[in-house]
């Protein structure tokens, strides 16, 4: 979709706690993946408005699905820099309100169903 996936999924590997909190605090909407290099500890969760709203999720795809569900349930606007990504999730993957698609999403749908 031409959007940077790093704006949706923020990965922190071997980063100190202060930098992690700064990064999460600056995130409007996204998924975080924390991994400690010195151990097998890992945390995956969801951030809304700089606050960890979910954590200790099983996987990044689960976190993205939870994020999408929260956005949909709370009727939040999609971030402008991830608009097409969330449109594809909503209208093509989840088949919710798929009547009108943007040209980018329609092109992807046509390629998927050829």
Protein backbone atom coordinates (compact mmCIF):
# COMPACT_ATOMS: atom_id res chain seq x y z
CA UNK A 1 0.00 0.00 0.00
CA UNK A 2 3.07 2.23 -0.05
CA UNK A 3 2.96 2.92 3.68
CA UNK A 4 5.81 2.36 6.10
CA UNK A 5 5.09 -0.70 8.31
CA UNK A 6 7.44 0.74 10.94
CA UNK A 7 4.75 3.33 11.66
CA UNK A 8 2.36 0.54 12.69
CA UNK A 9 4.71 -1.91 14.40
CA UNK A 10 7.41 -0.45 16.65
CA UNK A 11 10.11 -2.98 17.48
CA UNK A 12 12.45 -2.37 20.40
CA UNK A 13 15.29 -4.89 20.64
CA UNK A 14 17.84 -4.48 23.40
CA UNK A 15 16.79 -0.88 24.09
CA UNK A 16 16.83 0.60 27.59
CA UNK A 17 13.56 1.31 29.40
CA UNK A 18 13.82 5.11 29.07
CA UNK A 19 14.04 4.93 25.27
CA UNK A 20 11.18 2.44 25.15
CA UNK A 21 8.92 4.68 27.22
CA UNK A 22 9.88 7.71 25.12
CA UNK A 23 9.06 5.83 21.90
CA UNK A 24 5.78 4.46 23.20
CA UNK A 25 4.81 7.87 24.58
CA UNK A 26 5.31 9.41 21.12
CA UNK A 27 3.14 6.77 19.42
CA UNK A 28 -0.41 7.78 18.56
CA UNK A 29 -1.68 4.39 17.37
CA UNK A 30 0.43 1.28 16.97
CA UNK A 31 1.78 -2.05 18.10
CA UNK A 32 4.94 -2.46 20.16
CA UNK A 33 7.25 -5.46 20.26
CA UNK A 34 9.79 -5.44 23.07
CA UNK A 35 12.57 -8.02 23.07
CA UNK A 36 15.39 -8.28 25.56
CA UNK A 37 18.61 -9.51 23.93
CA UNK A 38 20.02 -10.87 27.19
CA UNK A 39 17.04 -13.17 27.81
CA UNK A 40 14.06 -14.71 26.07
CA UNK A 41 11.74 -12.07 27.55
CA UNK A 42 9.34 -10.58 25.04
CA UNK A 43 6.30 -8.31 25.26
CA UNK A 44 3.89 -7.51 22.46
CA UNK A 45 1.06 -5.04 22.89
CA UNK A 46 -1.05 -2.14 21.66
CA UNK A 47 -0.54 1.61 22.15
CA UNK A 48 -3.25 4.26 21.87
CA UNK A 49 -2.36 7.93 22.43
CA UNK A 50 0.99 7.01 23.99
CA UNK A 51 -0.52 4.60 26.54
CA UNK A 52 -0.07 0.83 26.63
CA UNK A 53 -3.66 -0.40 26.53
CA UNK A 54 -2.86 -4.08 25.94
CA UNK A 55 0.30 -6.07 26.63
CA UNK A 56 1.55 -9.64 26.88
CA UNK A 57 -0.18 -10.64 23.63
CA UNK A 58 0.84 -13.85 21.85
CA UNK A 59 2.00 -12.39 18.53
CA UNK A 60 2.26 -9.28 16.39
CA UNK A 61 -0.65 -10.38 14.12
CA UNK A 62 -2.81 -10.79 17.23
CA UNK A 63 -1.80 -7.32 18.39
CA UNK A 64 -2.66 -5.80 14.99
CA UNK A 65 -6.07 -7.52 15.08
CA UNK A 66 -6.67 -6.22 18.62
CA UNK A 67 -5.62 -2.73 17.55
CA UNK A 68 -8.00 -2.85 14.61
CA UNK A 69 -10.80 -4.03 16.91
CA UNK A 70 -10.14 -1.19 19.37
CA UNK A 71 -10.11 1.40 16.59
CA UNK A 72 -13.35 0.00 15.16
CA UNK A 73 -15.12 -0.36 18.52
CA UNK A 74 -14.09 3.09 19.75
CA UNK A 75 -14.85 4.67 16.36
CA UNK A 76 -11.39 6.24 16.16
CA UNK A 77 -10.07 7.81 12.98
CA UNK A 78 -7.31 5.93 11.20
CA UNK A 79 -3.94 7.69 11.30
CA UNK A 80 -3.34 9.48 8.00
CA UNK A 81 0.00 7.73 7.40
CA UNK A 82 -1.64 4.27 7.75
CA UNK A 83 -4.98 5.03 6.13
CA UNK A 84 -4.71 2.49 3.32
CA UNK A 85 -3.36 -0.27 5.56
CA UNK A 86 -6.37 0.00 7.87
CA UNK A 87 -8.76 0.38 4.92
CA UNK A 88 -7.50 -2.93 3.51
CA UNK A 89 -7.83 -4.59 6.93
CA UNK A 90 -11.37 -3.29 7.33
CA UNK A 91 -12.81 -3.62 3.86
CA UNK A 92 -10.92 -6.51 2.27
CA UNK A 93 -9.64 -8.72 5.08
CA UNK A 94 -12.50 -8.27 7.58
CA UNK A 95 -15.13 -7.58 4.88
CA UNK A 96 -16.68 -4.73 6.87
CA UNK A 97 -18.28 -1.93 4.84
CA UNK A 98 -16.50 -3.01 1.67
CA UNK A 99 -18.80 -1.18 -0.75
CA UNK A 100 -16.57 1.79 -1.59
CA UNK A 101 -12.80 1.33 -1.85
CA UNK A 102 -10.04 3.79 -2.60
CA UNK A 103 -8.21 3.23 -5.88
CA UNK A 104 -5.20 1.71 -4.06
CA UNK A 105 -7.34 -0.73 -2.09
CA UNK A 106 -9.42 -1.63 -5.15
CA UNK A 107 -6.27 -2.34 -7.14
CA UNK A 108 -4.99 -4.66 -4.38
CA UNK A 109 -8.36 -6.42 -4.17
CA UNK A 110 -8.39 -6.99 -7.91
CA UNK A 111 -4.88 -8.47 -7.76
CA UNK A 112 -5.80 -10.72 -4.85
CA UNK A 113 -8.94 -12.12 -6.46
CA UNK A 114 -7.65 -12.64 -10.01
